[in-house]
Amino acid sequence: MDETLNTLELDMTVAVTLATLKFLNYCLYTLIVPFMPLILKQYGVSTVWVGYIFAAYPISTIMCTPLIALGSNTMGRKRSLLFGSIAQWNGCMLFLLLKYIHN
């Protein structure tokens, strides 16, 4: 009984941590995305490239969803959620670092 309780506490800790990461990720994304075209325009990025940047997310989602589904079947739900959260967080951080990229 005590071991089951410890496992449940660990599962809840992982779930709360993942939910917090996802919440922070979506907050950052929501705060940054509306201003990105203006910021990119100041750096001389053409509107076509801004379109490419914003189209990358849905295109990669469409292309990677079947692969992620296969991976989640072999890795398990927890690991695949953790991997997805880390990958999305890294993508958001790279999105933030766009201002440091020079032509």
PDB file of N, CA and C in Angstrom:
ATOM      1  N   MET A   1       0.823  -1.184   0.000  1.00  0.00           N
ATOM      2  CA  MET A   1       0.000   0.000   0.000  1.00  0.00           C
ATOM      3  C   MET A   1       0.872   1.255   0.000  1.00  0.00           C
ATOM      4  N   ASP A   2       1.932   1.258   0.802  1.00  0.00           N
ATOM      5  CA  ASP A   2       2.800   2.419   0.904  1.00  0.00           C
ATOM      6  C   ASP A   2       3.540   2.663  -0.412  1.00  0.00           C
ATOM      7  N   GLU A   3       3.951   1.586  -1.095  1.00  0.00           N
ATOM      8  CA  GLU A   3       4.634   1.709  -2.376  1.00  0.00           C
ATOM      9  C   GLU A   3       3.695   2.266  -3.440  1.00  0.00           C
ATOM     10  N   THR A   4       2.437   1.850  -3.403  1.00  0.00           N
ATOM     11  CA  THR A   4       1.448   2.363  -4.347  1.00  0.00           C
ATOM     12  C   THR A   4       1.223   3.855  -4.137  1.00  0.00           C
ATOM     13  N   LEU A   5       1.193   4.284  -2.891  1.00  0.00           N
ATOM     14  CA  LEU A   5       1.009   5.693  -2.568  1.00  0.00           C
ATOM     15  C   LEU A   5       2.192   6.523  -3.064  1.00  0.00           C
ATOM     16  N   ASN A   6       3.406   6.009  -2.917  1.00  0.00           N
ATOM     17  CA  ASN A   6       4.587   6.715  -3.410  1.00  0.00           C
ATOM     18  C   ASN A   6       4.571   6.828  -4.929  1.00  0.00           C
ATOM     19  N   THR A   7       4.141   5.772  -5.603  1.00  0.00           N
ATOM     20  CA  THR A   7       4.038   5.795  -7.059  1.00  0.00           C
ATOM     21  C   THR A   7       3.000   6.811  -7.499  1.00  0.00           C
ATOM     22  N   LEU A   8       1.874   6.880  -6.806  1.00  0.00           N
ATOM     23  CA  LEU A   8       0.836   7.846  -7.130  1.00  0.00           C
ATOM     24  C   LEU A   8       1.326   9.277  -6.913  1.00  0.00           C
ATOM     25  N   GLU A   9       2.060   9.512  -5.842  1.00  0.00           N
ATOM     26  CA  GLU A   9       2.617  10.840  -5.598  1.00  0.00           C
ATOM     27  C   GLU A   9       3.615  11.237  -6.681  1.00  0.00           C
ATOM     28  N   LEU A  10       4.440  10.298  -7.107  1.00  0.00           N
ATOM     29  CA  LEU A  10       5.400  10.569  -8.170  1.00  0.00           C
ATOM     30  C   LEU A  10       4.670  10.864  -9.472  1.00  0.00           C
ATOM     31  N   ASP A  11       3.631  10.089  -9.773  1.00  0.00           N
ATOM     32  CA  ASP A  11       2.844  10.342 -10.983  1.00  0.00           C
ATOM     33  C   ASP A  11       2.203  11.724 -10.951  1.00  0.00           C
ATOM     34  N   MET A  12       1.686  12.122  -9.801  1.00  0.00           N
ATOM     35  CA  MET A  12       1.076  13.445  -9.678  1.00  0.00           C
ATOM     36  C   MET A  12       2.133  14.547  -9.822  1.00  0.00           C
ATOM     37  N   THR A  13       3.316  14.326  -9.284  1.00  0.00           N
ATOM     38  CA  THR A  13       4.391  15.300  -9.408  1.00  0.00           C
ATOM     39  C   THR A  13       4.781  15.483 -10.869  1.00  0.00           C
ATOM     40  N   VAL A  14       4.913  14.383 -11.588  1.00  0.00           N
ATOM     41  CA  VAL A  14       5.246  14.445 -13.014  1.00  0.00           C
ATOM     42  C   VAL A  14       4.126  15.145 -13.777  1.00  0.00           C
ATOM     43  N   ALA A  15       2.887  14.828 -13.482  1.00  0.00           N
ATOM     44  CA  ALA A  15       1.755  15.433 -14.182  1.00  0.00           C
ATOM     45  C   ALA A  15       1.682  16.931 -13.928  1.00  0.00           C
ATOM     46  N   VAL A  16       1.877  17.338 -12.695  1.00  0.00           N
ATOM     47  CA  VAL A  16       1.838  18.770 -12.363  1.00  0.00           C
ATOM     48  C   VAL A  16       3.004  19.502 -13.024  1.00  0.00           C
ATOM     49  N   THR A  17       4.170  18.894 -13.039  1.00  0.00           N
ATOM     50  CA  THR A  17       5.336  19.503 -13.679  1.00  0.00           C
ATOM     51  C   THR A  17       5.105  19.679 -15.172  1.00  0.00           C
ATOM     52  N   LEU A  18       4.597  18.637 -15.838  1.00  0.00           N
ATOM     53  CA  LEU A  18       4.319  18.728 -17.273  1.00  0.00           C
ATOM     54  C   LEU A  18       3.242  19.766 -17.566  1.00  0.00           C
ATOM     55  N   ALA A  19       2.197  19.791 -16.741  1.00  0.00           N
ATOM     56  CA  ALA A  19       1.129  20.769 -16.948  1.00  0.00           C
ATOM     57  C   ALA A  19       1.646  22.188 -16.763  1.00  0.00           C
ATOM     58  N   THR A  20       2.524  22.397 -15.795  1.00  0.00           N
ATOM     59  CA  THR A  20       3.098  23.723 -15.571  1.00  0.00           C
ATOM     60  C   THR A  20       3.982  24.139 -16.742  1.00  0.00           C
ATOM     61  N   LEU A  21       4.794  23.212 -17.245  1.00  0.00           N
ATOM     62  CA  LEU A  21       5.630  23.513 -18.408  1.00  0.00           C
ATOM     63  C   LEU A  21       4.793  23.870 -19.623  1.00  0.00           C
ATOM     64  N   LYS A  22       3.740  23.105 -19.859  1.00  0.00           N
ATOM     65  CA  LYS A  22       2.864  23.389 -21.000  1.00  0.00           C
ATOM     66  C   LYS A  22       2.183  24.745 -20.837  1.00  0.00           C
ATOM     67  N   PHE A  23       1.734  25.057 -19.625  1.00  0.00           N
ATOM     68  CA  PHE A  23       1.092  26.337 -19.362  1.00  0.00           C
ATOM     69  C   PHE A  23       2.056  27.493 -19.638  1.00  0.00           C
ATOM     70  N   LEU A  24       3.274  27.390 -19.131  1.00  0.00           N
ATOM     71  CA  LEU A  24       4.272  28.436 -19.355  1.00  0.00           C
ATOM     72  C   LEU A  24       4.623  28.560 -20.831  1.00  0.00           C
ATOM     73  N   ASN A  25       4.717  27.439 -21.510  1.00  0.00           N
ATOM     74  CA  ASN A  25       5.026  27.440 -22.928  1.00  0.00           C
ATOM     75  C   ASN A  25       3.943  28.172 -23.716  1.00  0.00           C
ATOM     76  N   TYR A  26       2.691  27.850 -23.461  1.00  0.00           N
ATOM     77  CA  TYR A  26       1.603  28.508 -24.175  1.00  0.00           C
ATOM     78  C   TYR A  26       1.492  29.979 -23.792  1.00  0.00           C
ATOM     79  N   CYS A  27       1.793  30.329 -22.563  1.00  0.00           N
ATOM     80  CA  CYS A  27       1.786  31.739 -22.160  1.00  0.00           C
ATOM     81  C   CYS A  27       2.848  32.517 -22.930  1.00  0.00           C
ATOM     82  N   LEU A  28       4.055  31.975 -22.979  1.00  0.00           N
ATOM     83  CA  LEU A  28       5.131  32.643 -23.716  1.00  0.00           C
ATOM     84  C   LEU A  28       4.797  32.752 -25.200  1.00  0.00           C
ATOM     85  N   TYR A  29       4.291  31.692 -25.760  1.00  0.00           N
ATOM     86  CA  TYR A  29       3.938  31.681 -27.181  1.00  0.00           C
ATOM     87  C   TYR A  29       2.862  32.729 -27.463  1.00  0.00           C
ATOM     88  N   THR A  30       1.859  32.806 -26.596  1.00  0.00           N
ATOM     89  CA  THR A  30       0.767  33.757 -26.784  1.00  0.00           C
ATOM     90  C   THR A  30       1.240  35.189 -26.623  1.00  0.00           C
ATOM     91  N   LEU A  31       2.199  35.415 -25.758  1.00  0.00           N
ATOM     92  CA  LEU A  31       2.713  36.766 -25.562  1.00  0.00           C
ATOM     93  C   LEU A  31       3.645  37.216 -26.684  1.00  0.00           C
ATOM     94  N   ILE A  32       4.361  36.296 -27.287  1.00  0.00           N
ATOM     95  CA  ILE A  32       5.381  36.644 -28.264  1.00  0.00           C
ATOM     96  C   ILE A  32       4.838  36.696 -29.693  1.00  0.00           C
ATOM     97  N   VAL A  33       4.029  35.746 -30.067  1.00  0.00           N
ATOM     98  CA  VAL A  33       3.611  35.592 -31.459  1.00  0.00           C
ATOM     99  C   VAL A  33       2.945  36.833 -32.047  1.00  0.00           C
ATOM    100  N   PRO A  34       2.070  37.539 -31.355  1.00  0.00           N
ATOM    101  CA  PRO A  34       1.453  38.705 -31.993  1.00  0.00           C
ATOM    102  C   PRO A  34       2.449  39.803 -32.396  1.00  0.00           C
ATOM    103  N   PHE A  35       3.574  39.868 -31.730  1.00  0.00           N
ATOM    104  CA  PHE A  35       4.547  40.918 -32.007  1.00  0.00           C
ATOM    105  C   PHE A  35       5.680  40.480 -32.929  1.00  0.00           C
ATOM    106  N   MET A  36       5.788  39.194 -33.202  1.00  0.00           N
ATOM    107  CA  MET A  36       6.906  38.694 -34.001  1.00  0.00           C
ATOM    108  C   MET A  36       6.949  39.280 -35.411  1.00  0.00           C
ATOM    109  N   PRO A  37       5.839  39.403 -36.148  1.00  0.00           N
ATOM    110  CA  PRO A  37       5.958  40.003 -37.485  1.00  0.00           C
ATOM    111  C   PRO A  37       6.509  41.429 -37.447  1.00  0.00           C
ATOM    112  N   LEU A  38       6.110  42.205 -36.456  1.00  0.00           N
ATOM    113  CA  LEU A  38       6.619  43.572 -36.341  1.00  0.00           C
ATOM    114  C   LEU A  38       8.108  43.578 -36.023  1.00  0.00           C
ATOM    115  N   ILE A  39       8.509  42.717 -35.117  1.00  0.00           N
ATOM    116  CA  ILE A  39       9.928  42.643 -34.737  1.00  0.00           C
ATOM    117  C   ILE A  39      10.768  42.156 -35.911  1.00  0.00           C
ATOM    118  N   LEU A  40      10.290  41.134 -36.607  1.00  0.00           N
ATOM    119  CA  LEU A  40      11.035  40.611 -37.745  1.00  0.00           C
ATOM    120  C   LEU A  40      11.122  41.639 -38.865  1.00  0.00           C
ATOM    121  N   LYS A  41      10.076  42.420 -39.050  1.00  0.00           N
ATOM    122  CA  LYS A  41      10.096  43.463 -40.072  1.00  0.00           C
ATOM    123  C   LYS A  41      11.148  44.518 -39.742  1.00  0.00           C
ATOM    124  N   GLN A  42      11.321  44.836 -38.460  1.00  0.00           N
ATOM    125  CA  GLN A  42      12.351  45.795 -38.057  1.00  0.00           C
ATOM    126  C   GLN A  42      13.749  45.289 -38.390  1.00  0.00           C
ATOM    127  N   TYR A  43      13.926  43.988 -38.372  1.00  0.00           N
ATOM    128  CA  TYR A  43      15.222  43.397 -38.698  1.00  0.00           C
ATOM    129  C   TYR A  43      15.382  43.128 -40.198  1.00  0.00           C
ATOM    130  N   GLY A  44      14.404  43.564 -40.979  1.00  0.00           N
ATOM    131  CA  GLY A  44      14.519  43.439 -42.424  1.00  0.00           C
ATOM    132  C   GLY A  44      14.087  42.105 -42.991  1.00  0.00           C
ATOM    133  N   VAL A  45      13.384  41.317 -42.240  1.00  0.00           N
ATOM    134  CA  VAL A  45      12.900  40.030 -42.732  1.00  0.00           C
ATOM    135  C   VAL A  45      11.669  40.291 -43.596  1.00  0.00           C
ATOM    136  N   SER A  46      11.652  39.718 -44.781  1.00  0.00           N
ATOM    137  CA  SER A  46      10.540  39.958 -45.696  1.00  0.00           C
ATOM    138  C   SER A  46       9.271  39.267 -45.200  1.00  0.00           C
ATOM    139  N   THR A  47       8.143  39.723 -45.695  1.00  0.00           N
ATOM    140  CA  THR A  47       6.860  39.140 -45.279  1.00  0.00           C
ATOM    141  C   THR A  47       6.737  37.689 -45.726  1.00  0.00           C
ATOM    142  N   VAL A  48       7.410  37.338 -46.818  1.00  0.00           N
ATOM    143  CA  VAL A  48       7.388  35.942 -47.267  1.00  0.00           C
ATOM    144  C   VAL A  48       8.065  35.050 -46.229  1.00  0.00           C
ATOM    145  N   TRP A  49       9.211  35.490 -45.704  1.00  0.00           N
ATOM    146  CA  TRP A  49       9.911  34.699 -44.699  1.00  0.00           C
ATOM    147  C   TRP A  49       9.141  34.643 -43.391  1.00  0.00           C
ATOM    148  N   VAL A  50       8.444  35.719 -43.047  1.00  0.00           N
ATOM    149  CA  VAL A  50       7.587  35.691 -41.858  1.00  0.00           C
ATOM    150  C   VAL A  50       6.504  34.637 -42.051  1.00  0.00           C
ATOM    151  N   GLY A  51       5.956  34.566 -43.259  1.00  0.00           N
ATOM    152  CA  GLY A  51       4.972  33.519 -43.564  1.00  0.00           C
ATOM    153  C   GLY A  51       5.555  32.126 -43.431  1.00  0.00           C
ATOM    154  N   TYR A  52       6.782  31.941 -43.920  1.00  0.00           N
ATOM    155  CA  TYR A  52       7.449  30.638 -43.785  1.00  0.00           C
ATOM    156  C   TYR A  52       7.656  30.269 -42.316  1.00  0.00           C
ATOM    157  N   ILE A  53       8.069  31.267 -41.534  1.00  0.00           N
ATOM    158  CA  ILE A  53       8.317  31.008 -40.110  1.00  0.00           C
ATOM    159  C   ILE A  53       7.032  30.574 -39.417  1.00  0.00           C
ATOM    160  N   PHE A  54       5.934  31.285 -39.701  1.00  0.00           N
ATOM    161  CA  PHE A  54       4.676  30.939 -39.049  1.00  0.00           C
ATOM    162  C   PHE A  54       4.025  29.698 -39.642  1.00  0.00           C
ATOM    163  N   ALA A  55       4.363  29.346 -40.875  1.00  0.00           N
ATOM    164  CA  ALA A  55       3.828  28.127 -41.485  1.00  0.00           C
ATOM    165  C   ALA A  55       4.591  26.883 -41.040  1.00  0.00           C
ATOM    166  N   ALA A  56       5.784  27.064 -40.496  1.00  0.00           N
ATOM    167  CA  ALA A  56       6.604  25.918 -40.096  1.00  0.00           C
ATOM    168  C   ALA A  56       5.923  25.081 -39.016  1.00  0.00           C
ATOM    169  N   TYR A  57       5.242  25.731 -38.080  1.00  0.00           N
ATOM    170  CA  TYR A  57       4.598  24.986 -36.985  1.00  0.00           C
ATOM    171  C   TYR A  57       3.488  24.055 -37.486  1.00  0.00           C
ATOM    172  N   PRO A  58       2.488  24.545 -38.231  1.00  0.00           N
ATOM    173  CA  PRO A  58       1.445  23.613 -38.663  1.00  0.00           C
ATOM    174  C   PRO A  58       1.942  22.557 -39.646  1.00  0.00           C
ATOM    175  N   ILE A  59       2.889  22.932 -40.505  1.00  0.00           N
ATOM    176  CA  ILE A  59       3.414  21.944 -41.447  1.00  0.00           C
ATOM    177  C   ILE A  59       4.169  20.845 -40.709  1.00  0.00           C
ATOM    178  N   SER A  60       5.000  21.232 -39.747  1.00  0.00           N
ATOM    179  CA  SER A  60       5.738  20.210 -38.996  1.00  0.00           C
ATOM    180  C   SER A  60       4.789  19.373 -38.141  1.00  0.00           C
ATOM    181  N   THR A  61       3.713  19.969 -37.654  1.00  0.00           N
ATOM    182  CA  THR A  61       2.723  19.204 -36.890  1.00  0.00           C
ATOM    183  C   THR A  61       2.078  18.142 -37.762  1.00  0.00           C
ATOM    184  N   ILE A  62       1.695  18.511 -38.967  1.00  0.00           N
ATOM    185  CA  ILE A  62       1.065  17.557 -39.882  1.00  0.00           C
ATOM    186  C   ILE A  62       2.034  16.435 -40.251  1.00  0.00           C
ATOM    187  N   MET A  63       3.290  16.803 -40.490  1.00  0.00           N
ATOM    188  CA  MET A  63       4.262  15.792 -40.914  1.00  0.00           C
ATOM    189  C   MET A  63       4.703  14.882 -39.774  1.00  0.00           C
ATOM    190  N   CYS A  64       4.800  15.416 -38.568  1.00  0.00           N
ATOM    191  CA  CYS A  64       5.362  14.642 -37.458  1.00  0.00           C
ATOM    192  C   CYS A  64       4.329  13.887 -36.628  1.00  0.00           C
ATOM    193  N   THR A  65       3.065  14.197 -36.772  1.00  0.00           N
ATOM    194  CA  THR A  65       2.049  13.545 -35.948  1.00  0.00           C
ATOM    195  C   THR A  65       2.054  12.021 -36.097  1.00  0.00           C
ATOM    196  N   PRO A  66       2.108  11.470 -37.310  1.00  0.00           N
ATOM    197  CA  PRO A  66       2.158  10.003 -37.399  1.00  0.00           C
ATOM    198  C   PRO A  66       3.403   9.406 -36.748  1.00  0.00           C
ATOM    199  N   LEU A  67       4.543  10.082 -36.887  1.00  0.00           N
ATOM    200  CA  LEU A  67       5.771   9.573 -36.272  1.00  0.00           C
ATOM    201  C   LEU A  67       5.687   9.621 -34.751  1.00  0.00           C
ATOM    202  N   ILE A  68       5.129  10.693 -34.232  1.00  0.00           N
ATOM    203  CA  ILE A  68       4.983  10.821 -32.781  1.00  0.00           C
ATOM    204  C   ILE A  68       4.010   9.771 -32.255  1.00  0.00           C
ATOM    205  N   ALA A  69       2.963   9.484 -33.022  1.00  0.00           N
ATOM    206  CA  ALA A  69       2.006   8.454 -32.599  1.00  0.00           C
ATOM    207  C   ALA A  69       2.683   7.090 -32.499  1.00  0.00           C
ATOM    208  N   LEU A  70       3.513   6.767 -33.469  1.00  0.00           N
ATOM    209  CA  LEU A  70       4.248   5.492 -33.405  1.00  0.00           C
ATOM    210  C   LEU A  70       5.222   5.487 -32.232  1.00  0.00           C
ATOM    211  N   GLY A  71       5.891   6.603 -32.025  1.00  0.00           N
ATOM    212  CA  GLY A  71       6.847   6.691 -30.927  1.00  0.00           C
ATOM    213  C   GLY A  71       6.184   6.597 -29.567  1.00  0.00           C
ATOM    214  N   SER A  72       4.989   7.181 -29.439  1.00  0.00           N
ATOM    215  CA  SER A  72       4.319   7.136 -28.140  1.00  0.00           C
ATOM    216  C   SER A  72       3.837   5.726 -27.817  1.00  0.00           C
ATOM    217  N   ASN A  73       3.562   4.935 -28.837  1.00  0.00           N
ATOM    218  CA  ASN A  73       3.180   3.545 -28.580  1.00  0.00           C
ATOM    219  C   ASN A  73       4.354   2.735 -28.043  1.00  0.00           C
ATOM    220  N   THR A  74       5.556   3.049 -28.488  1.00  0.00           N
ATOM    221  CA  THR A  74       6.715   2.284 -28.022  1.00  0.00           C
ATOM    222  C   THR A  74       7.328   2.873 -26.753  1.00  0.00           C
ATOM    223  N   MET A  75       7.309   4.217 -26.623  1.00  0.00           N
ATOM    224  CA  MET A  75       7.926   4.871 -25.466  1.00  0.00           C
ATOM    225  C   MET A  75       7.006   4.913 -24.251  1.00  0.00           C
ATOM    226  N   GLY A  76       5.725   4.933 -24.469  1.00  0.00           N
ATOM    227  CA  GLY A  76       4.790   5.096 -23.370  1.00  0.00           C
ATOM    228  C   GLY A  76       4.317   6.542 -23.283  1.00  0.00           C
ATOM    229  N   ARG A  77       3.210   6.730 -22.589  1.00  0.00           N
ATOM    230  CA  ARG A  77       2.601   8.061 -22.528  1.00  0.00           C
ATOM    231  C   ARG A  77       3.454   9.077 -21.782  1.00  0.00           C
ATOM    232  N   LYS A  78       3.979   8.689 -20.642  1.00  0.00           N
ATOM    233  CA  LYS A  78       4.734   9.647 -19.826  1.00  0.00           C
ATOM    234  C   LYS A  78       5.973  10.149 -20.555  1.00  0.00           C
ATOM    235  N   ARG A  79       6.738   9.232 -21.093  1.00  0.00           N
ATOM    236  CA  ARG A  79       7.966   9.624 -21.784  1.00  0.00           C
ATOM    237  C   ARG A  79       7.666  10.440 -23.027  1.00  0.00           C
ATOM    238  N   SER A  80       6.632  10.060 -23.763  1.00  0.00           N
ATOM    239  CA  SER A  80       6.318  10.822 -24.972  1.00  0.00           C
ATOM    240  C   SER A  80       5.802  12.216 -24.633  1.00  0.00           C
ATOM    241  N   LEU A  81       5.030  12.367 -23.558  1.00  0.00           N
ATOM    242  CA  LEU A  81       4.591  13.689 -23.130  1.00  0.00           C
ATOM    243  C   LEU A  81       5.764  14.542 -22.663  1.00  0.00           C
ATOM    244  N   LEU A  82       6.670  13.927 -21.938  1.00  0.00           N
ATOM    245  CA  LEU A  82       7.858  14.650 -21.482  1.00  0.00           C
ATOM    246  C   LEU A  82       8.719  15.069 -22.661  1.00  0.00           C
ATOM    247  N   PHE A  83       8.949  14.167 -23.587  1.00  0.00           N
ATOM    248  CA  PHE A  83       9.738  14.477 -24.780  1.00  0.00           C
ATOM    249  C   PHE A  83       9.078  15.589 -25.588  1.00  0.00           C
ATOM    250  N   GLY A  84       7.765  15.513 -25.771  1.00  0.00           N
ATOM    251  CA  GLY A  84       7.048  16.543 -26.519  1.00  0.00           C
ATOM    252  C   GLY A  84       7.107  17.891 -25.834  1.00  0.00           C
ATOM    253  N   SER A  85       6.984  17.895 -24.517  1.00  0.00           N
ATOM    254  CA  SER A  85       7.058  19.156 -23.771  1.00  0.00           C
ATOM    255  C   SER A  85       8.441  19.782 -23.888  1.00  0.00           C
ATOM    256  N   ILE A  86       9.470  18.963 -23.776  1.00  0.00           N
ATOM    257  CA  ILE A  86      10.839  19.475 -23.899  1.00  0.00           C
ATOM    258  C   ILE A  86      11.086  19.984 -25.312  1.00  0.00           C
ATOM    259  N   ALA A  87      10.627  19.257 -26.310  1.00  0.00           N
ATOM    260  CA  ALA A  87      10.819  19.689 -27.693  1.00  0.00           C
ATOM    261  C   ALA A  87      10.082  20.996 -27.969  1.00  0.00           C
ATOM    262  N   GLN A  88       8.871  21.120 -27.460  1.00  0.00           N
ATOM    263  CA  GLN A  88       8.117  22.345 -27.676  1.00  0.00           C
ATOM    264  C   GLN A  88       8.750  23.520 -26.933  1.00  0.00           C
ATOM    265  N   TRP A  89       9.238  23.285 -25.749  1.00  0.00           N
ATOM    266  CA  TRP A  89       9.921  24.330 -24.991  1.00  0.00           C
ATOM    267  C   TRP A  89      11.178  24.797 -25.735  1.00  0.00           C
ATOM    268  N   ASN A  90      11.939  23.845 -26.287  1.00  0.00           N
ATOM    269  CA  ASN A  90      13.130  24.205 -27.054  1.00  0.00           C
ATOM    270  C   ASN A  90      12.760  25.013 -28.289  1.00  0.00           C
ATOM    271  N   GLY A  91      11.687  24.626 -28.952  1.00  0.00           N
ATOM    272  CA  GLY A  91      11.230  25.383 -30.111  1.00  0.00           C
ATOM    273  C   GLY A  91      10.837  26.798 -29.752  1.00  0.00           C
ATOM    274  N   CYS A  92      10.193  26.955 -28.625  1.00  0.00           N
ATOM    275  CA  CYS A  92       9.800  28.289 -28.163  1.00  0.00           C
ATOM    276  C   CYS A  92      11.032  29.118 -27.839  1.00  0.00           C
ATOM    277  N   MET A  93      12.023  28.523 -27.231  1.00  0.00           N
ATOM    278  CA  MET A  93      13.244  29.246 -26.913  1.00  0.00           C
ATOM    279  C   MET A  93      13.993  29.645 -28.189  1.00  0.00           C
ATOM    280  N   LEU A  94      14.015  28.768 -29.183  1.00  0.00           N
ATOM    281  CA  LEU A  94      14.642  29.121 -30.459  1.00  0.00           C
ATOM    282  C   LEU A  94      13.891  30.266 -31.124  1.00  0.00           C
ATOM    283  N   PHE A  95      12.576  30.261 -30.989  1.00  0.00           N
ATOM    284  CA  PHE A  95      11.753  31.337 -31.521  1.00  0.00           C
ATOM    285  C   PHE A  95      12.114  32.659 -30.853  1.00  0.00           C
ATOM    286  N   LEU A  96      12.385  32.613 -29.558  1.00  0.00           N
ATOM    287  CA  LEU A  96      12.806  33.819 -28.852  1.00  0.00           C
ATOM    288  C   LEU A  96      14.172  34.312 -29.313  1.00  0.00           C
ATOM    289  N   LEU A  97      15.032  33.395 -29.715  1.00  0.00           N
ATOM    290  CA  LEU A  97      16.390  33.759 -30.097  1.00  0.00           C
ATOM    291  C   LEU A  97      16.512  34.262 -31.532  1.00  0.00           C
ATOM    292  N   LEU A  98      15.387  34.349 -32.248  1.00  0.00           N
ATOM    293  CA  LEU A  98      15.438  34.818 -33.632  1.00  0.00           C
ATOM    294  C   LEU A  98      16.022  36.226 -33.755  1.00  0.00           C
ATOM    295  N   LYS A  99      15.826  37.031 -32.730  1.00  0.00           N
ATOM    296  CA  LYS A  99      16.319  38.398 -32.824  1.00  0.00           C
ATOM    297  C   LYS A  99      17.838  38.476 -32.839  1.00  0.00           C
ATOM    298  N   TYR A 100      18.518  37.425 -32.433  1.00  0.00           N
ATOM    299  CA  TYR A 100      19.976  37.416 -32.423  1.00  0.00           C
ATOM    300  C   TYR A 100      20.578  36.877 -33.719  1.00  0.00           C
ATOM    301  N   ILE A 101      19.728  36.457 -34.635  1.00  0.00           N
ATOM    302  CA  ILE A 101      20.210  35.937 -35.918  1.00  0.00           C
ATOM    303  C   ILE A 101      20.412  37.117 -36.871  1.00  0.00           C
ATOM    304  N   HIS A 102      21.592  37.226 -37.400  1.00  0.00           N
ATOM    305  CA  HIS A 102      21.908  38.306 -38.328  1.00  0.00           C
ATOM    306  C   HIS A 102      22.061  37.737 -39.717  1.00  0.00           C
ATOM    307  N   ASN A 103      21.746  38.543 -40.717  1.00  0.00           N
ATOM    308  CA  ASN A 103      21.847  38.090 -42.118  1.00  0.00           C
ATOM    309  C   ASN A 103      23.277  37.871 -42.508  1.00  0.00           C
TER     310      ASN A 103
END
